[in-house]
Amino acid sequence: MSFLTISPDTDPQELFAWGVRFHGHPGPFLALGIRMGLLALRLLGSSGYKGIVAEVETGTKPPVSCLADGIQVSTGCTAGKGNLVIRPLGRAAATFSANGKKLRIEVRPEWLARIQAEGAVDRLAEEVLRAPEEELFSWTLF
């Protein structure tokens, strides 16, 4: 597997293919994490890997915790580098810090309800990859 360069303009489908190999399956929370991370890079003006911190609120219980793997894939934040922190709050949300700015992103309740109703099935991941950001997330830049 070759090294993957990320940027705010990276194709989510390309990252998703890499993310599935990393994570082990193509679930919707992986896709949401990838989209969330790319949105954070763009809004914070970050190129990822260094100079960015992600505080993920999912905890470690799947399927919502799978969001963290998507954020790792799309931002380059990792626990090993110390720029990925997972808080045990059970929420599909994360706060990102870079370039003196902070950004909190949450998965919209409609999407959470849909995933809960249909199950965290892999087919929902493709819909997440195509949906507009405004449909998937709410966010606050501060």
N, C-alpha and C. Protein backbone atom coordinates (compact mmCIF):
# COMPACT_ATOMS: atom_id res chain seq x y z
N MET A 1 0.85 -1.16 0.00
CA MET A 1 0.00 0.00 0.00
C MET A 1 0.90 1.23 0.00
N SER A 2 0.66 2.13 -0.92
CA SER A 2 1.49 3.32 -1.00
C SER A 2 0.95 4.43 -0.11
N PHE A 3 1.82 5.38 0.17
CA PHE A 3 1.45 6.54 0.98
C PHE A 3 0.43 7.38 0.23
N LEU A 4 -0.56 7.87 0.94
CA LEU A 4 -1.63 8.67 0.33
C LEU A 4 -1.50 10.10 0.80
N THR A 5 -1.38 11.02 -0.13
CA THR A 5 -1.33 12.43 0.20
C THR A 5 -2.75 12.96 0.29
N ILE A 6 -3.04 13.71 1.34
CA ILE A 6 -4.38 14.28 1.50
C ILE A 6 -4.32 15.78 1.38
N SER A 7 -5.44 16.36 1.01
CA SER A 7 -5.62 17.81 0.98
C SER A 7 -7.13 18.04 1.09
N PRO A 8 -7.54 19.27 1.33
CA PRO A 8 -8.98 19.54 1.39
C PRO A 8 -9.72 19.18 0.10
N ASP A 9 -8.98 19.09 -1.01
CA ASP A 9 -9.61 18.78 -2.30
C ASP A 9 -9.53 17.30 -2.67
N THR A 10 -9.02 16.47 -1.80
CA THR A 10 -8.90 15.04 -2.08
C THR A 10 -10.28 14.45 -2.32
N ASP A 11 -10.37 13.60 -3.31
CA ASP A 11 -11.63 12.93 -3.66
C ASP A 11 -12.04 11.99 -2.52
N PRO A 12 -13.24 12.21 -1.93
CA PRO A 12 -13.68 11.32 -0.84
C PRO A 12 -13.72 9.85 -1.24
N GLN A 13 -14.06 9.56 -2.49
CA GLN A 13 -14.11 8.17 -2.95
C GLN A 13 -12.73 7.53 -2.88
N GLU A 14 -11.70 8.28 -3.27
CA GLU A 14 -10.33 7.77 -3.21
C GLU A 14 -9.93 7.48 -1.76
N LEU A 15 -10.22 8.41 -0.88
CA LEU A 15 -9.91 8.20 0.54
C LEU A 15 -10.71 7.04 1.11
N PHE A 16 -11.95 6.91 0.68
CA PHE A 16 -12.80 5.84 1.19
C PHE A 16 -12.22 4.48 0.83
N ALA A 17 -11.74 4.32 -0.40
CA ALA A 17 -11.14 3.05 -0.81
C ALA A 17 -9.94 2.72 0.09
N TRP A 18 -9.11 3.71 0.39
CA TRP A 18 -7.99 3.50 1.28
C TRP A 18 -8.49 3.22 2.70
N GLY A 19 -9.51 3.98 3.12
CA GLY A 19 -10.07 3.82 4.45
C GLY A 19 -10.66 2.45 4.70
N VAL A 20 -11.29 1.87 3.69
CA VAL A 20 -11.86 0.53 3.83
C VAL A 20 -10.75 -0.49 4.09
N ARG A 21 -9.63 -0.34 3.40
CA ARG A 21 -8.50 -1.24 3.65
C ARG A 21 -7.97 -1.06 5.08
N PHE A 22 -7.92 0.17 5.54
CA PHE A 22 -7.44 0.47 6.88
C PHE A 22 -8.42 -0.03 7.95
N HIS A 23 -9.70 0.27 7.75
CA HIS A 23 -10.74 0.02 8.76
C HIS A 23 -11.28 -1.41 8.73
N GLY A 24 -11.37 -1.98 7.53
CA GLY A 24 -11.83 -3.37 7.41
C GLY A 24 -13.18 -3.57 6.78
N HIS A 25 -13.99 -2.51 6.68
CA HIS A 25 -15.28 -2.61 5.98
C HIS A 25 -15.78 -1.22 5.64
N PRO A 26 -16.71 -1.13 4.68
CA PRO A 26 -17.15 0.19 4.18
C PRO A 26 -18.39 0.75 4.87
N GLY A 27 -18.37 0.95 6.15
CA GLY A 27 -19.55 1.41 6.87
C GLY A 27 -19.81 2.91 6.76
N PRO A 28 -21.03 3.33 7.11
CA PRO A 28 -21.39 4.74 6.99
C PRO A 28 -20.64 5.67 7.94
N PHE A 29 -20.27 5.20 9.13
CA PHE A 29 -19.53 6.08 10.03
C PHE A 29 -18.11 6.31 9.55
N LEU A 30 -17.51 5.33 8.89
CA LEU A 30 -16.20 5.55 8.26
C LEU A 30 -16.33 6.66 7.22
N ALA A 31 -17.36 6.57 6.37
CA ALA A 31 -17.58 7.58 5.33
C ALA A 31 -17.85 8.95 5.94
N LEU A 32 -18.65 8.99 7.00
CA LEU A 32 -18.92 10.27 7.67
C LEU A 32 -17.64 10.88 8.24
N GLY A 33 -16.79 10.05 8.83
CA GLY A 33 -15.52 10.55 9.36
C GLY A 33 -14.62 11.11 8.28
N ILE A 34 -14.59 10.46 7.13
CA ILE A 34 -13.78 10.94 6.01
C ILE A 34 -14.31 12.29 5.54
N ARG A 35 -15.62 12.39 5.34
CA ARG A 35 -16.21 13.66 4.90
C ARG A 35 -16.00 14.75 5.95
N MET A 36 -16.15 14.41 7.22
CA MET A 36 -15.97 15.37 8.30
C MET A 36 -14.53 15.90 8.32
N GLY A 37 -13.57 15.01 8.19
CA GLY A 37 -12.17 15.42 8.19
C GLY A 37 -11.83 16.32 7.02
N LEU A 38 -12.32 16.00 5.83
CA LEU A 38 -12.06 16.84 4.66
C LEU A 38 -12.68 18.23 4.82
N LEU A 39 -13.88 18.28 5.40
CA LEU A 39 -14.52 19.57 5.67
C LEU A 39 -13.66 20.37 6.65
N ALA A 40 -13.15 19.72 7.68
CA ALA A 40 -12.31 20.41 8.66
C ALA A 40 -11.04 20.95 8.00
N LEU A 41 -10.38 20.16 7.16
CA LEU A 41 -9.18 20.64 6.48
C LEU A 41 -9.48 21.90 5.67
N ARG A 42 -10.58 21.87 4.94
CA ARG A 42 -10.94 23.00 4.09
C ARG A 42 -11.25 24.25 4.92
N LEU A 43 -12.10 24.10 5.93
CA LEU A 43 -12.53 25.27 6.70
C LEU A 43 -11.42 25.83 7.59
N LEU A 44 -10.47 25.00 7.98
CA LEU A 44 -9.37 25.46 8.82
C LEU A 44 -8.11 25.81 8.02
N GLY A 45 -8.15 25.58 6.72
CA GLY A 45 -6.98 25.88 5.89
C GLY A 45 -5.79 25.02 6.23
N SER A 46 -6.02 23.75 6.54
CA SER A 46 -4.97 22.83 6.95
C SER A 46 -4.66 21.83 5.83
N SER A 47 -3.41 21.42 5.77
CA SER A 47 -3.03 20.37 4.83
C SER A 47 -2.96 19.01 5.50
N GLY A 48 -3.35 18.94 6.78
CA GLY A 48 -3.41 17.67 7.48
C GLY A 48 -2.07 17.22 8.04
N TYR A 49 -2.09 16.08 8.69
CA TYR A 49 -0.96 15.39 9.30
C TYR A 49 -0.36 16.12 10.49
N LYS A 50 0.17 17.32 10.30
CA LYS A 50 0.79 18.08 11.39
C LYS A 50 0.08 19.43 11.50
N GLY A 51 0.11 20.00 12.69
CA GLY A 51 -0.49 21.31 12.87
C GLY A 51 -2.00 21.27 12.98
N ILE A 52 -2.57 20.11 13.08
CA ILE A 52 -4.01 19.94 13.27
C ILE A 52 -4.23 18.93 14.40
N VAL A 53 -5.26 19.18 15.19
CA VAL A 53 -5.64 18.27 16.28
C VAL A 53 -7.11 17.95 16.11
N ALA A 54 -7.47 16.68 16.30
CA ALA A 54 -8.87 16.26 16.26
C ALA A 54 -9.24 15.65 17.60
N GLU A 55 -10.29 16.19 18.21
CA GLU A 55 -10.85 15.64 19.44
C GLU A 55 -12.20 15.03 19.07
N VAL A 56 -12.24 13.72 19.03
CA VAL A 56 -13.41 12.98 18.59
C VAL A 56 -14.23 12.60 19.81
N GLU A 57 -15.54 12.78 19.75
CA GLU A 57 -16.42 12.59 20.91
C GLU A 57 -17.13 11.24 20.92
N THR A 58 -16.71 10.31 20.08
CA THR A 58 -17.43 9.05 19.91
C THR A 58 -17.26 8.04 21.02
N GLY A 59 -16.15 8.07 21.71
CA GLY A 59 -15.81 6.96 22.57
C GLY A 59 -15.28 5.83 21.71
N THR A 60 -15.26 4.61 22.27
CA THR A 60 -14.68 3.48 21.55
C THR A 60 -15.67 2.37 21.25
N LYS A 61 -16.96 2.66 21.30
CA LYS A 61 -17.97 1.64 21.05
C LYS A 61 -18.52 1.77 19.62
N PRO A 62 -18.30 0.72 18.78
CA PRO A 62 -18.86 0.75 17.43
C PRO A 62 -20.39 0.73 17.47
N PRO A 63 -21.05 1.21 16.46
CA PRO A 63 -20.49 1.67 15.19
C PRO A 63 -20.08 3.14 15.18
N VAL A 64 -20.55 3.95 16.13
CA VAL A 64 -20.25 5.38 16.08
C VAL A 64 -18.75 5.65 16.19
N SER A 65 -18.03 4.80 16.89
CA SER A 65 -16.58 5.01 17.03
C SER A 65 -15.83 4.85 15.71
N CYS A 66 -16.46 4.24 14.72
CA CYS A 66 -15.83 4.08 13.40
C CYS A 66 -15.58 5.43 12.75
N LEU A 67 -16.29 6.45 13.21
CA LEU A 67 -16.08 7.82 12.74
C LEU A 67 -14.62 8.22 12.94
N ALA A 68 -14.02 7.79 14.04
CA ALA A 68 -12.62 8.15 14.34
C ALA A 68 -11.67 7.63 13.28
N ASP A 69 -11.91 6.44 12.75
CA ASP A 69 -11.04 5.91 11.71
C ASP A 69 -11.15 6.75 10.44
N GLY A 70 -12.34 7.20 10.11
CA GLY A 70 -12.50 8.08 8.94
C GLY A 70 -11.77 9.39 9.14
N ILE A 71 -11.81 9.92 10.34
CA ILE A 71 -11.10 11.17 10.64
C ILE A 71 -9.59 10.96 10.54
N GLN A 72 -9.10 9.83 11.01
CA GLN A 72 -7.67 9.53 10.87
C GLN A 72 -7.26 9.50 9.41
N VAL A 73 -8.05 8.81 8.59
CA VAL A 73 -7.74 8.66 7.18
C VAL A 73 -7.73 10.01 6.46
N SER A 74 -8.68 10.87 6.79
CA SER A 74 -8.84 12.12 6.03
C SER A 74 -8.02 13.28 6.56
N THR A 75 -7.55 13.22 7.81
CA THR A 75 -6.79 14.33 8.36
C THR A 75 -5.33 13.99 8.65
N GLY A 76 -5.03 12.72 8.76
CA GLY A 76 -3.69 12.32 9.16
C GLY A 76 -3.46 12.43 10.65
N CYS A 77 -4.50 12.77 11.41
CA CYS A 77 -4.38 12.80 12.87
C CYS A 77 -4.33 11.37 13.39
N THR A 78 -3.42 11.10 14.31
CA THR A 78 -3.32 9.76 14.89
C THR A 78 -3.02 9.85 16.38
N ALA A 79 -3.42 8.81 17.09
CA ALA A 79 -3.11 8.75 18.52
C ALA A 79 -1.61 8.69 18.73
N GLY A 80 -0.90 8.02 17.85
CA GLY A 80 0.55 7.89 17.98
C GLY A 80 1.28 9.22 17.89
N LYS A 81 0.77 10.13 17.08
CA LYS A 81 1.37 11.47 16.99
C LYS A 81 0.84 12.39 18.08
N GLY A 82 -0.20 11.94 18.77
CA GLY A 82 -0.78 12.76 19.84
C GLY A 82 -1.72 13.83 19.36
N ASN A 83 -2.10 13.80 18.08
CA ASN A 83 -3.03 14.82 17.58
C ASN A 83 -4.42 14.26 17.28
N LEU A 84 -4.69 13.07 17.82
CA LEU A 84 -6.04 12.50 17.80
C LEU A 84 -6.38 12.08 19.22
N VAL A 85 -7.44 12.66 19.75
CA VAL A 85 -7.90 12.34 21.10
C VAL A 85 -9.34 11.84 20.98
N ILE A 86 -9.65 10.72 21.62
CA ILE A 86 -11.01 10.19 21.60
C ILE A 86 -11.62 10.34 22.98
N ARG A 87 -12.67 11.11 23.05
CA ARG A 87 -13.39 11.36 24.31
C ARG A 87 -14.57 10.38 24.41
N PRO A 88 -14.83 9.80 25.58
CA PRO A 88 -15.89 8.80 25.74
C PRO A 88 -17.28 9.43 25.94
N LEU A 89 -17.76 10.15 24.94
CA LEU A 89 -19.04 10.85 25.06
C LEU A 89 -20.17 10.22 24.23
N GLY A 90 -19.85 9.26 23.37
CA GLY A 90 -20.87 8.57 22.58
C GLY A 90 -21.56 9.45 21.55
N ARG A 91 -20.92 10.52 21.11
CA ARG A 91 -21.52 11.44 20.13
C ARG A 91 -20.81 11.35 18.79
N ALA A 92 -21.56 11.56 17.73
CA ALA A 92 -21.00 11.60 16.38
C ALA A 92 -20.58 13.03 16.09
N ALA A 93 -19.51 13.46 16.76
CA ALA A 93 -19.04 14.84 16.65
C ALA A 93 -17.54 14.89 16.93
N ALA A 94 -16.92 15.97 16.45
CA ALA A 94 -15.50 16.18 16.71
C ALA A 94 -15.19 17.67 16.66
N THR A 95 -14.16 18.04 17.39
CA THR A 95 -13.64 19.42 17.34
C THR A 95 -12.23 19.35 16.79
N PHE A 96 -11.97 20.21 15.83
CA PHE A 96 -10.68 20.27 15.16
C PHE A 96 -10.04 21.62 15.46
N SER A 97 -8.71 21.62 15.63
CA SER A 97 -7.97 22.86 15.87
C SER A 97 -6.80 22.91 14.90
N ALA A 98 -6.64 24.08 14.25
CA ALA A 98 -5.50 24.31 13.36
C ALA A 98 -5.42 25.79 13.05
N ASN A 99 -4.21 26.26 12.85
CA ASN A 99 -3.99 27.65 12.42
C ASN A 99 -4.68 28.67 13.32
N GLY A 100 -4.71 28.39 14.63
CA GLY A 100 -5.31 29.32 15.57
C GLY A 100 -6.82 29.35 15.56
N LYS A 101 -7.45 28.40 14.87
CA LYS A 101 -8.91 28.33 14.79
C LYS A 101 -9.40 26.99 15.31
N LYS A 102 -10.67 26.97 15.72
CA LYS A 102 -11.32 25.73 16.15
C LYS A 102 -12.61 25.57 15.34
N LEU A 103 -12.96 24.31 15.14
CA LEU A 103 -14.15 23.97 14.38
C LEU A 103 -14.79 22.75 15.02
N ARG A 104 -16.06 22.86 15.37
CA ARG A 104 -16.80 21.69 15.89
C ARG A 104 -17.79 21.26 14.82
N ILE A 105 -17.77 19.99 14.49
CA ILE A 105 -18.65 19.42 13.47
C ILE A 105 -19.44 18.29 14.11
N GLU A 106 -20.76 18.28 13.86
CA GLU A 106 -21.64 17.21 14.33
C GLU A 106 -22.36 16.58 13.15
N VAL A 107 -22.57 15.27 13.22
CA VAL A 107 -23.43 14.61 12.24
C VAL A 107 -24.87 15.02 12.55
N ARG A 108 -25.60 15.41 11.52
CA ARG A 108 -26.99 15.86 11.72
C ARG A 108 -27.86 14.73 12.28
N PRO A 109 -28.79 15.08 13.16
CA PRO A 109 -29.65 14.07 13.79
C PRO A 109 -30.43 13.22 12.78
N GLU A 110 -30.79 13.80 11.65
CA GLU A 110 -31.54 13.03 10.64
C GLU A 110 -30.72 11.84 10.14
N TRP A 111 -29.40 12.07 9.94
CA TRP A 111 -28.55 10.99 9.47
C TRP A 111 -28.34 9.95 10.57
N LEU A 112 -28.18 10.40 11.79
CA LEU A 112 -28.04 9.45 12.89
C LEU A 112 -29.29 8.59 13.04
N ALA A 113 -30.45 9.22 12.92
CA ALA A 113 -31.72 8.48 13.02
C ALA A 113 -31.84 7.47 11.87
N ARG A 114 -31.43 7.88 10.70
CA ARG A 114 -31.51 6.97 9.55
C ARG A 114 -30.58 5.77 9.73
N ILE A 115 -29.37 6.02 10.18
CA ILE A 115 -28.42 4.92 10.41
C ILE A 115 -28.94 4.00 11.51
N GLN A 116 -29.52 4.58 12.54
CA GLN A 116 -30.07 3.77 13.61
C GLN A 116 -31.25 2.93 13.10
N ALA A 117 -32.11 3.52 12.29
CA ALA A 117 -33.28 2.80 11.77
C ALA A 117 -32.91 1.70 10.79
N GLU A 118 -31.94 1.98 9.92
CA GLU A 118 -31.57 1.02 8.87
C GLU A 118 -30.40 0.13 9.28
N GLY A 119 -29.72 0.52 10.36
CA GLY A 119 -28.51 -0.19 10.77
C GLY A 119 -27.31 0.44 10.09
N ALA A 120 -26.15 0.28 10.66
CA ALA A 120 -24.92 0.84 10.09
C ALA A 120 -24.48 -0.03 8.92
N VAL A 121 -25.34 -0.12 7.93
CA VAL A 121 -25.10 -1.00 6.79
C VAL A 121 -24.17 -0.32 5.78
N ASP A 122 -23.37 -1.14 5.13
CA ASP A 122 -22.35 -0.63 4.23
C ASP A 122 -22.93 0.19 3.08
N ARG A 123 -24.14 -0.14 2.60
CA ARG A 123 -24.70 0.57 1.44
C ARG A 123 -24.95 2.05 1.73
N LEU A 124 -25.15 2.41 2.99
CA LEU A 124 -25.35 3.82 3.34
C LEU A 124 -24.08 4.64 3.13
N ALA A 125 -22.93 3.98 3.15
CA ALA A 125 -21.67 4.69 2.99
C ALA A 125 -21.61 5.41 1.65
N GLU A 126 -22.08 4.78 0.59
CA GLU A 126 -22.07 5.41 -0.74
C GLU A 126 -22.93 6.66 -0.75
N GLU A 127 -24.06 6.64 -0.07
CA GLU A 127 -24.91 7.82 0.01
C GLU A 127 -24.21 8.94 0.76
N VAL A 128 -23.53 8.59 1.84
CA VAL A 128 -22.79 9.59 2.62
C VAL A 128 -21.71 10.24 1.75
N LEU A 129 -21.03 9.47 0.93
CA LEU A 129 -19.96 10.01 0.10
C LEU A 129 -20.48 10.98 -0.96
N ARG A 130 -21.75 10.84 -1.36
CA ARG A 130 -22.33 11.70 -2.40
C ARG A 130 -23.14 12.87 -1.85
N ALA A 131 -23.57 12.80 -0.62
CA ALA A 131 -24.48 13.82 -0.06
C ALA A 131 -23.75 15.15 0.15
N PRO A 132 -24.48 16.26 0.02
CA PRO A 132 -23.88 17.57 0.31
C PRO A 132 -23.50 17.67 1.78
N GLU A 133 -22.41 18.37 2.06
CA GLU A 133 -21.94 18.53 3.44
C GLU A 133 -23.02 19.10 4.35
N GLU A 134 -23.79 20.06 3.82
CA GLU A 134 -24.83 20.71 4.63
C GLU A 134 -25.92 19.74 5.04
N GLU A 135 -26.10 18.67 4.27
CA GLU A 135 -27.10 17.65 4.60
C GLU A 135 -26.57 16.71 5.68
N LEU A 136 -25.27 16.49 5.69
CA LEU A 136 -24.65 15.55 6.62
C LEU A 136 -24.32 16.15 7.97
N PHE A 137 -23.88 17.42 7.97
CA PHE A 137 -23.28 18.00 9.17
C PHE A 137 -23.84 19.37 9.50
N SER A 138 -23.69 19.72 10.78
CA SER A 138 -23.80 21.11 11.22
C SER A 138 -22.44 21.43 11.83
N TRP A 139 -22.02 22.69 11.73
CA TRP A 139 -20.71 23.05 12.25
C TRP A 139 -20.66 24.49 12.72
N THR A 140 -19.70 24.72 13.63
CA THR A 140 -19.46 26.04 14.19
C THR A 140 -17.96 26.29 14.16
N LEU A 141 -17.57 27.39 13.55
CA LEU A 141 -16.17 27.80 13.48
C LEU A 141 -15.96 28.88 14.53
N PHE A 142 -14.97 28.70 15.40
CA PHE A 142 -14.70 29.70 16.42
C PHE A 142 -13.22 29.83 16.70
